[in-house]
Amino acid sequence: MLSRTRKSAVAATAALALTAGLAVTGARAASSAGHEPRKEAAWTAAWAASPQRASTGFKPNWSEDGFSGQTLRQVVRVTEGGDRARIRLSNAYGTSPLHIAGATIARTKKGAAVEEGSMRRLTFEGRRSVSIPAHGQLSSDKAGLDLKAFDSVTVTLHLARTTGPATFHSQAFATSYRAEGEHTGDTGASAFDASTESWYFLSGVDVGSAKPRRGDGNGKGDGIVLFGDSITDGFASTTDRNRRWSDALAERLADEGSPRPVLNAGIGGNLVLNDSAWYGERGTARIGRDALSLPGVGTVIVLSGLNDIGFSESDTPTYKPAPKVSAAELIEGHRALIRAAHAKGVKAVGATLLPLGGSDHYGERAAAVSEEFNAWVRSSGEYDAYVDFDKALADPADPERIAPEYDSGDHLHPNDAGYRAMAAAVDLAVL
């Protein structure tokens, strides 16, 4: 990765309006749930997932049916530690209030089981139950829970009433569990006899500490958020093993003595320029909510655009809309992402698109647009820095393709080794 001079943020008016609008929306959601936005000790995002509307996925999920009279247990891994924790819940795509009858947080033991003595009952403005309005989001009160970076955390929600279609994150590459009835206080796993590989309603886990937090010296947090599509999301990584490139980057930072929280804001199939019923709101619309507004974030790494240029090469029904996007259009979309980051005081790091030869996204037109876009990332200096994933993962014998040792098999997504290679390609000095 090479450093680039940050461009002026004077042209950030549109991005400011976007992020300000998102902040107002969040404040109104909290107020309409019966709370006023509260000031509290500083929080740091330790885990995140970007919300999506209910839809059929590549694997069976419960989003369209929702929940009724059930307990949902979800396991996530934090990349920052602390002595207190809270959760963030999202009803962003709900059409009616979401009632949480009860919630707990605990350290994970194995599967759906939790560590004895670690369970904490969560409250919301002092209440054990809460309703989150349609399109709203809400944070819990703090719970005293000692966590270390890379601890697995279990969040359990009792959904006593019918939820309707659930706001969720489709591709978790982690197992979530469901039980009939009320089981938020169970430490064992026996009641949780159904499972899926998606996350529901849970959009974040934040940590806090009595100790001073790290930062950049200018009042910004040192958290890094990765923003993009299925490659950022971790598609084809090993389920329940935390092998996404966000995990690999967090582990590398810790191993090299520079531990920092790394958050994943990827959505499989996501586009920079267009909304999708299957794959989320366009990147230029969601970056404020899903990345820049996470507590403690100081840097965003953007890897996005393969779907914008590649969906038009396939007739797959879910790859709609699929307009033919030019390099100039994609670059303008990335400029909007840069402006949004700079308007929030967040460092913007760009990434070249990975090789796509042999995949269902490949075509002469897509290849030409990818090459032109990558040249802009490398040479324009519009991003504050960049990482060259194209060169890092390319097959030396055929640079249009991912190297065989990094290829998951679809010639588009890396395997576990490929995601580690992505993390290794980042010059930590520019972060």
Protein backbone atom coordinates (compact mmCIF):
# COMPACT_ATOMS: atom_id res chain seq x y z
CA MET A 1 0.00 0.00 0.00
CA LEU A 2 1.29 3.43 -0.91
CA SER A 3 0.43 6.68 0.87
CA ARG A 4 -1.46 9.30 -1.08
CA THR A 5 -2.02 12.96 -0.29
CA ARG A 6 -5.49 13.62 1.06
CA LYS A 7 -7.54 15.81 -1.20
CA SER A 8 -9.51 18.78 0.10
CA ALA A 9 -12.82 17.97 1.79
CA VAL A 10 -14.34 21.28 0.70
CA ALA A 11 -16.43 19.41 -1.88
CA ALA A 12 -18.05 17.29 0.82
CA THR A 13 -21.40 19.08 1.02
CA ALA A 14 -23.41 16.15 -0.31
CA ALA A 15 -21.66 13.68 1.96
CA LEU A 16 -22.22 15.94 4.95
CA ALA A 17 -25.91 16.06 4.18
CA LEU A 18 -26.01 12.28 3.89
CA THR A 19 -24.22 11.55 7.15
CA ALA A 20 -26.10 14.27 9.00
CA GLY A 21 -29.37 12.81 7.79
CA LEU A 22 -28.37 9.38 9.02
CA ALA A 23 -27.45 10.79 12.43
CA VAL A 24 -30.81 12.53 12.72
CA THR A 25 -32.59 9.33 11.73
CA GLY A 26 -30.77 7.40 14.47
CA ALA A 27 -31.59 10.02 17.08
CA ARG A 28 -35.25 10.05 16.14
CA ALA A 29 -35.37 6.25 16.27
CA ALA A 30 -34.03 6.28 19.81
CA SER A 31 -36.48 9.00 20.82
CA SER A 32 -39.47 7.28 19.25
CA ALA A 33 -38.59 4.14 21.18
CA GLY A 34 -39.21 6.11 24.36
CA HIS A 35 -35.64 7.27 24.94
CA GLU A 36 -33.68 10.44 24.41
CA PRO A 37 -30.20 10.02 22.96
CA ARG A 38 -27.86 9.79 25.93
CA LYS A 39 -24.29 10.81 26.57
CA GLU A 40 -22.11 8.16 28.08
CA ALA A 41 -18.50 7.07 28.37
CA ALA A 42 -16.76 6.55 25.03
CA TRP A 43 -17.49 3.30 23.24
CA THR A 44 -15.45 1.43 20.68
CA ALA A 45 -17.04 -0.82 18.08
CA ALA A 46 -15.58 -4.31 18.57
CA TRP A 47 -17.77 -6.20 16.07
CA ALA A 48 -20.24 -5.13 13.40
CA ALA A 49 -22.50 -6.49 10.67
CA SER A 50 -24.31 -4.44 8.03
CA PRO A 51 -28.13 -4.76 8.06
CA GLN A 52 -30.08 -6.05 5.04
CA ARG A 53 -33.74 -6.42 4.21
CA ALA A 54 -35.27 -9.89 4.50
CA SER A 55 -34.60 -12.05 1.45
CA THR A 56 -33.86 -15.55 0.26
CA GLY A 57 -30.15 -16.24 0.46
CA PHE A 58 -27.65 -18.70 -0.93
CA LYS A 59 -28.36 -20.83 2.14
CA PRO A 60 -31.69 -21.20 4.00
CA ASN A 61 -32.38 -18.42 6.50
CA TRP A 62 -35.19 -17.26 8.77
CA SER A 63 -35.41 -13.63 7.65
CA GLU A 64 -38.61 -13.75 5.58
CA ASP A 65 -40.55 -15.79 8.15
CA GLY A 66 -39.16 -13.86 11.12
CA PHE A 67 -39.66 -15.08 14.69
CA SER A 68 -42.54 -15.68 17.09
CA GLY A 69 -42.30 -16.99 20.65
CA GLN A 70 -38.68 -18.00 20.14
CA THR A 71 -35.21 -17.33 21.51
CA LEU A 72 -32.41 -16.43 19.13
CA ARG A 73 -28.76 -17.03 20.09
CA GLN A 74 -25.93 -15.54 18.02
CA VAL A 75 -22.18 -15.90 18.33
CA VAL A 76 -19.71 -13.22 17.18
CA ARG A 77 -16.01 -12.54 17.76
CA VAL A 78 -14.84 -9.16 19.02
CA THR A 79 -11.56 -7.59 17.91
CA GLU A 80 -11.22 -5.27 20.91
CA GLY A 81 -11.45 -5.91 24.64
CA GLY A 82 -12.86 -3.98 27.58
CA ASP A 83 -14.53 -4.31 30.95
CA ARG A 84 -18.03 -3.42 29.76
CA ALA A 85 -20.09 -4.18 26.68
CA ARG A 86 -23.29 -3.21 24.94
CA ILE A 87 -25.11 -4.43 21.85
CA ARG A 88 -26.61 -2.52 18.94
CA LEU A 89 -29.87 -3.79 17.44
CA SER A 90 -31.31 -2.80 14.07
CA ASN A 91 -34.89 -2.81 12.81
CA ALA A 92 -33.81 -0.83 9.75
CA TYR A 93 -35.99 -2.80 7.33
CA GLY A 94 -38.82 -3.70 9.70
CA THR A 95 -42.30 -2.44 8.87
CA SER A 96 -43.56 -2.63 12.46
CA PRO A 97 -42.04 -2.22 15.93
CA LEU A 98 -39.64 -4.96 17.00
CA HIS A 99 -40.31 -6.13 20.56
CA ILE A 100 -37.34 -7.51 22.50
CA ALA A 101 -38.77 -9.33 25.52
CA GLY A 102 -35.36 -10.04 27.04
CA ALA A 103 -31.68 -10.18 26.14
CA THR A 104 -28.41 -11.49 27.57
CA ILE A 105 -24.74 -11.36 26.68
CA ALA A 106 -22.06 -13.85 27.71
CA ARG A 107 -18.70 -15.27 26.74
CA THR A 108 -19.07 -18.25 24.41
CA LYS A 109 -18.13 -21.75 25.53
CA LYS A 110 -18.84 -23.86 22.45
CA GLY A 111 -21.61 -23.73 19.88
CA ALA A 112 -24.76 -22.45 21.58
CA ALA A 113 -23.36 -23.01 25.10
CA VAL A 114 -21.94 -20.12 27.14
CA GLU A 115 -19.36 -19.89 29.92
CA GLU A 116 -20.75 -20.41 33.41
CA GLY A 117 -20.73 -17.19 35.43
CA SER A 118 -20.28 -14.90 32.42
CA MET A 119 -23.92 -14.28 31.52
CA ARG A 120 -25.20 -10.73 31.97
CA ARG A 121 -28.83 -9.63 31.66
CA LEU A 122 -29.08 -6.68 29.26
CA THR A 123 -31.31 -3.66 29.81
CA PHE A 124 -32.45 -0.77 27.65
CA GLU A 125 -32.71 2.51 29.59
CA GLY A 126 -33.07 0.35 32.68
CA ARG A 127 -35.79 -1.90 31.25
CA ARG A 128 -35.43 -5.56 30.38
CA SER A 129 -37.84 -5.31 27.44
CA VAL A 130 -38.02 -2.71 24.71
CA SER A 131 -39.70 -1.97 21.38
CA ILE A 132 -37.60 -0.64 18.51
CA PRO A 133 -39.67 1.30 15.98
CA ALA A 134 -39.83 0.36 12.33
CA HIS A 135 -36.66 1.56 10.57
CA GLY A 136 -35.05 2.30 13.95
CA GLN A 137 -31.97 1.14 15.81
CA LEU A 138 -31.11 1.02 19.48
CA SER A 139 -28.18 0.34 21.82
CA SER A 140 -28.47 -1.50 25.11
CA ASP A 141 -27.24 -0.15 28.42
CA LYS A 142 -23.71 -1.14 29.42
CA ALA A 143 -23.15 -4.51 31.01
CA GLY A 144 -20.11 -5.28 33.12
CA LEU A 145 -18.35 -8.04 31.20
CA ASP A 146 -14.61 -8.55 30.85
CA LEU A 147 -13.69 -9.28 27.26
CA LYS A 148 -10.37 -9.68 25.51
CA ALA A 149 -9.71 -9.12 21.83
CA PHE A 150 -10.70 -12.24 19.88
CA ASP A 151 -13.09 -13.50 22.54
CA SER A 152 -16.27 -15.03 21.15
CA VAL A 153 -19.41 -13.42 22.54
CA THR A 154 -22.92 -14.91 22.66
CA VAL A 155 -25.91 -12.56 22.38
CA THR A 156 -29.34 -14.06 23.14
CA LEU A 157 -32.66 -12.37 22.30
CA HIS A 158 -36.14 -13.47 23.37
CA LEU A 159 -38.60 -12.63 20.58
CA ALA A 160 -41.90 -13.35 22.33
CA ARG A 161 -44.08 -11.57 19.78
CA THR A 162 -44.33 -12.08 16.04
CA THR A 163 -41.61 -9.98 14.42
CA GLY A 164 -42.59 -10.13 10.77
CA PRO A 165 -39.73 -10.20 8.23
CA ALA A 166 -36.44 -9.69 10.03
CA THR A 167 -33.69 -7.18 9.38
CA PHE A 168 -30.67 -9.44 9.05
CA HIS A 169 -27.19 -10.00 7.65
CA SER A 170 -27.45 -12.78 5.12
CA GLN A 171 -23.99 -14.30 4.93
CA ALA A 172 -22.52 -14.58 8.41
CA PHE A 173 -20.18 -17.55 7.86
CA ALA A 174 -21.03 -18.26 11.48
CA THR A 175 -23.78 -20.36 13.04
CA SER A 176 -26.76 -18.83 14.83
CA TYR A 177 -29.20 -20.85 16.91
CA ARG A 178 -32.95 -20.84 17.68
CA ALA A 179 -35.04 -22.34 20.49
CA GLU A 180 -38.77 -22.45 21.06
CA GLY A 181 -39.89 -20.45 24.11
CA GLU A 182 -37.85 -18.36 26.54
CA HIS A 183 -34.23 -19.48 26.97
CA THR A 184 -32.21 -16.29 27.36
CA GLY A 185 -30.78 -17.50 30.67
CA ASP A 186 -29.74 -20.97 29.50
CA THR A 187 -26.03 -21.65 29.74
CA GLY A 188 -26.39 -24.97 27.93
CA ALA A 189 -27.15 -25.58 24.28
CA SER A 190 -29.82 -28.30 24.46
CA ALA A 191 -32.85 -26.08 23.78
CA PHE A 192 -31.27 -24.55 20.68
CA ASP A 193 -32.10 -27.25 18.17
CA ALA A 194 -32.32 -25.17 14.97
CA SER A 195 -29.50 -23.29 13.26
CA THR A 196 -28.73 -21.03 10.35
CA GLU A 197 -25.75 -19.10 8.98
CA SER A 198 -27.14 -15.56 9.17
CA TRP A 199 -27.31 -12.85 11.85
CA TYR A 200 -30.65 -11.26 12.78
CA PHE A 201 -31.30 -7.79 14.27
CA LEU A 202 -27.79 -7.72 15.81
CA SER A 203 -25.69 -5.04 14.10
CA GLY A 204 -22.93 -4.45 16.61
CA VAL A 205 -21.12 -5.17 19.86
CA ASP A 206 -19.31 -2.24 21.46
CA VAL A 207 -16.85 -2.31 24.35
CA GLY A 208 -15.72 0.26 26.87
CA SER A 209 -13.00 0.43 29.47
CA ALA A 210 -11.97 2.47 32.48
CA LYS A 211 -8.51 2.59 30.92
CA PRO A 212 -7.66 5.34 28.39
CA ARG A 213 -8.42 4.29 24.84
CA ARG A 214 -5.92 4.29 22.01
CA GLY A 215 -6.41 6.86 19.26
CA ASP A 216 -4.65 8.92 16.65
CA GLY A 217 -3.87 11.79 19.00
CA ASN A 218 -6.47 14.01 17.37
CA GLY A 219 -9.55 12.75 19.14
CA LYS A 220 -10.33 10.05 16.56
CA GLY A 221 -10.50 6.37 17.37
CA ASP A 222 -8.09 3.91 15.82
CA GLY A 223 -10.72 1.46 14.60
CA ILE A 224 -10.53 0.23 11.02
CA VAL A 225 -13.69 -0.60 9.11
CA LEU A 226 -13.59 -2.64 5.90
CA PHE A 227 -16.30 -1.61 3.46
CA GLY A 228 -17.35 -3.58 0.42
CA ASP A 229 -19.09 -6.60 -1.04
CA SER A 230 -18.85 -10.39 -0.70
CA ILE A 231 -15.04 -10.45 -0.68
CA THR A 232 -15.06 -8.17 2.36
CA ASP A 233 -17.98 -10.14 3.82
CA GLY A 234 -15.84 -13.28 3.68
CA PHE A 235 -17.64 -15.35 1.06
CA ALA A 236 -16.21 -18.90 0.83
CA SER A 237 -14.28 -18.56 4.09
CA THR A 238 -14.59 -21.46 6.52
CA THR A 239 -17.77 -21.23 8.61
CA ASP A 240 -17.29 -20.69 12.36
CA ARG A 241 -13.51 -20.29 11.99
CA ASN A 242 -13.29 -16.48 11.58
CA ARG A 243 -11.24 -16.62 8.38
CA ARG A 244 -12.48 -13.45 6.63
CA TRP A 245 -9.86 -10.91 5.60
CA SER A 246 -11.11 -8.62 8.39
CA ASP A 247 -10.23 -11.36 10.89
CA ALA A 248 -6.84 -11.91 9.28
CA LEU A 249 -6.05 -8.18 9.39
CA ALA A 250 -7.02 -7.88 13.07
CA GLU A 251 -4.86 -10.90 13.91
CA ARG A 252 -1.91 -9.52 11.95
CA LEU A 253 -2.14 -6.16 13.71
CA ALA A 254 -2.12 -7.91 17.08
CA ASP A 255 0.75 -10.22 16.12
CA GLU A 256 2.86 -7.24 15.03
CA GLY A 257 2.26 -5.31 18.22
CA SER A 258 -0.28 -2.81 16.88
CA PRO A 259 -3.65 -4.18 18.04
CA ARG A 260 -6.64 -2.30 16.71
CA PRO A 261 -10.33 -3.13 16.30
CA VAL A 262 -11.23 -4.18 12.76
CA LEU A 263 -14.91 -4.05 11.74
CA ASN A 264 -16.51 -5.76 8.78
CA ALA A 265 -19.02 -3.71 6.77
CA GLY A 266 -19.25 -6.01 3.78
CA ILE A 267 -22.47 -7.22 2.17
CA GLY A 268 -22.36 -10.03 -0.37
CA GLY A 269 -23.40 -8.77 -3.82
CA ASN A 270 -23.33 -5.13 -2.79
CA LEU A 271 -22.98 -2.44 -5.45
CA VAL A 272 -21.42 1.00 -5.27
CA LEU A 273 -23.97 2.69 -7.51
CA ASN A 274 -27.26 0.77 -7.34
CA ASP A 275 -29.61 -0.60 -4.69
CA SER A 276 -30.46 -4.29 -4.79
CA ALA A 277 -33.41 -6.16 -3.28
CA TRP A 278 -31.02 -9.05 -2.59
CA TYR A 279 -27.74 -7.37 -1.82
CA GLY A 280 -28.44 -4.22 0.13
CA GLU A 281 -28.53 -0.51 -0.44
CA ARG A 282 -25.88 0.94 -2.72
CA GLY A 283 -22.55 1.69 -1.10
CA THR A 284 -22.84 5.44 -1.53
CA ALA A 285 -26.09 5.38 0.48
CA ARG A 286 -25.10 3.00 3.29
CA ILE A 287 -21.51 3.97 4.06
CA GLY A 288 -22.53 6.49 6.73
CA ARG A 289 -24.69 4.08 8.71
CA ASP A 290 -22.68 0.92 8.21
CA ALA A 291 -19.11 2.21 8.43
CA LEU A 292 -18.43 5.85 9.21
CA SER A 293 -20.79 6.16 12.18
CA LEU A 294 -19.43 3.14 14.06
CA PRO A 295 -17.94 4.31 17.37
CA GLY A 296 -14.17 4.66 17.45
CA VAL A 297 -13.56 4.37 13.69
CA GLY A 298 -10.67 6.36 12.23
CA THR A 299 -9.97 4.55 8.94
CA VAL A 300 -12.10 2.96 6.24
CA ILE A 301 -10.70 0.58 3.60
CA VAL A 302 -12.95 0.44 0.52
CA LEU A 303 -12.98 -2.61 -1.75
CA SER A 304 -16.03 -2.40 -4.00
CA GLY A 305 -17.00 -2.35 -7.66
CA LEU A 306 -16.64 -5.89 -9.01
CA ASN A 307 -20.41 -6.37 -8.92
CA ASP A 308 -21.07 -3.01 -10.58
CA ILE A 309 -18.99 -4.07 -13.56
CA GLY A 310 -19.54 -7.84 -13.41
CA PHE A 311 -23.26 -8.36 -12.89
CA SER A 312 -23.92 -7.31 -16.50
CA GLU A 313 -21.77 -10.23 -17.68
CA SER A 314 -24.18 -12.78 -16.14
CA ASP A 315 -27.88 -13.51 -16.55
CA THR A 316 -28.25 -14.68 -12.92
CA PRO A 317 -31.71 -13.47 -11.78
CA THR A 318 -30.49 -12.05 -8.49
CA TYR A 319 -27.85 -9.95 -10.23
CA LYS A 320 -30.37 -7.22 -10.96
CA PRO A 321 -30.14 -4.33 -11.56
CA ALA A 322 -27.22 -4.95 -13.89
CA PRO A 323 -26.58 -1.81 -15.96
CA LYS A 324 -23.36 -1.53 -17.93
CA VAL A 325 -21.21 0.69 -15.73
CA SER A 326 -18.24 2.60 -17.10
CA ALA A 327 -14.97 3.18 -15.30
CA ALA A 328 -15.81 6.89 -15.12
CA GLU A 329 -19.13 6.13 -13.39
CA LEU A 330 -17.51 3.76 -10.92
CA ILE A 331 -14.79 6.30 -10.15
CA GLU A 332 -17.42 8.97 -9.45
CA GLY A 333 -19.08 6.58 -7.02
CA HIS A 334 -15.78 6.08 -5.21
CA ARG A 335 -15.25 9.82 -5.08
CA ALA A 336 -18.57 10.08 -3.23
CA LEU A 337 -17.33 7.45 -0.76
CA ILE A 338 -14.10 9.41 -0.24
CA ARG A 339 -16.00 12.64 0.35
CA ALA A 340 -18.28 10.95 2.87
CA ALA A 341 -15.29 9.57 4.79
CA HIS A 342 -13.44 12.88 4.83
CA ALA A 343 -16.56 14.74 5.96
CA LYS A 344 -16.52 12.52 9.05
CA GLY A 345 -12.79 12.98 9.60
CA VAL A 346 -12.11 9.36 8.61
CA LYS A 347 -9.07 8.34 6.58
CA ALA A 348 -10.08 6.75 3.27
CA VAL A 349 -7.97 3.89 1.89
CA GLY A 350 -8.85 2.51 -1.53
CA ALA A 351 -8.24 -0.97 -2.91
CA THR A 352 -7.76 -2.28 -6.41
CA LEU A 353 -10.28 -4.85 -7.59
CA LEU A 354 -9.18 -8.48 -7.51
CA PRO A 355 -8.65 -10.41 -10.75
CA LEU A 356 -11.91 -11.82 -12.13
CA GLY A 357 -10.75 -13.98 -15.05
CA GLY A 358 -12.65 -17.26 -15.35
CA SER A 359 -15.51 -16.14 -13.10
CA ASP A 360 -19.13 -15.45 -13.99
CA HIS A 361 -18.29 -11.74 -13.64
CA TYR A 362 -15.71 -11.88 -16.41
CA GLY A 363 -16.07 -10.39 -19.88
CA GLU A 364 -13.89 -8.24 -22.10
CA ARG A 365 -15.81 -5.15 -21.09
CA ALA A 366 -15.67 -5.88 -17.37
CA ALA A 367 -11.94 -6.63 -17.62
CA ALA A 368 -11.27 -3.34 -19.38
CA VAL A 369 -13.28 -1.33 -16.82
CA SER A 370 -11.51 -3.12 -13.96
CA GLU A 371 -8.10 -2.30 -15.45
CA GLU A 372 -9.01 1.38 -15.91
CA PHE A 373 -10.45 1.65 -12.41
CA ASN A 374 -7.42 -0.01 -10.83
CA ALA A 375 -5.11 2.36 -12.65
CA TRP A 376 -7.06 5.28 -11.15
CA VAL A 377 -6.78 3.86 -7.62
CA ARG A 378 -3.02 3.48 -8.04
CA SER A 379 -2.23 6.78 -9.70
CA SER A 380 -4.85 9.43 -8.90
CA GLY A 381 -3.94 10.11 -5.27
CA GLU A 382 -7.61 10.71 -4.48
CA TYR A 383 -7.64 8.04 -1.80
CA ASP A 384 -5.38 8.81 1.15
CA ALA A 385 -3.61 5.50 0.53
CA TYR A 386 -4.25 2.31 -1.37
CA VAL A 387 -3.68 -1.42 -1.19
CA ASP A 388 -3.07 -3.38 -4.38
CA PHE A 389 -5.09 -6.58 -4.03
CA ASP A 390 -5.04 -7.05 -7.80
CA LYS A 391 -1.28 -7.58 -7.80
CA ALA A 392 -1.17 -9.37 -4.45
CA LEU A 393 -3.55 -12.16 -5.48
CA ALA A 394 -2.94 -12.41 -9.22
CA ASP A 395 -1.63 -15.59 -10.81
CA PRO A 396 1.87 -14.73 -12.14
CA ALA A 397 1.22 -17.01 -15.11
CA ASP A 398 -2.12 -15.35 -15.93
CA PRO A 399 -2.57 -11.98 -14.14
CA GLU A 400 -6.26 -11.79 -15.11
CA ARG A 401 -6.95 -14.70 -12.74
CA ILE A 402 -6.61 -15.24 -9.00
CA ALA A 403 -3.61 -17.45 -8.21
CA PRO A 404 -4.74 -21.07 -7.76
CA GLU A 405 -3.50 -21.22 -4.17
CA TYR A 406 -5.77 -18.27 -3.29
CA ASP A 407 -8.84 -19.26 -5.35
CA SER A 408 -11.93 -20.62 -3.55
CA GLY A 409 -12.90 -22.36 -6.78
CA ASP A 410 -15.24 -19.81 -8.35
CA HIS A 411 -12.35 -17.68 -9.66
CA LEU A 412 -13.85 -14.63 -7.97
CA HIS A 413 -13.62 -15.09 -4.21
CA PRO A 414 -10.46 -15.94 -2.27
CA ASN A 415 -10.19 -18.96 0.00
CA ASP A 416 -8.88 -18.77 3.57
CA ALA A 417 -5.29 -18.48 2.32
CA GLY A 418 -6.35 -15.75 -0.10
CA TYR A 419 -7.94 -13.73 2.69
CA ARG A 420 -4.70 -14.02 4.68
CA ALA A 421 -2.80 -12.82 1.61
CA MET A 422 -5.08 -9.79 1.44
CA ALA A 423 -4.29 -8.90 5.06
CA ALA A 424 -0.57 -9.40 4.36
CA ALA A 425 -0.76 -6.96 1.42
CA VAL A 426 -1.67 -4.01 3.66
CA ASP A 427 1.17 -1.67 4.58
CA LEU A 428 0.42 -1.20 8.27
CA ALA A 429 2.41 2.03 8.37
CA VAL A 430 -0.28 3.94 6.48
CA LEU A 431 -3.04 2.82 8.85
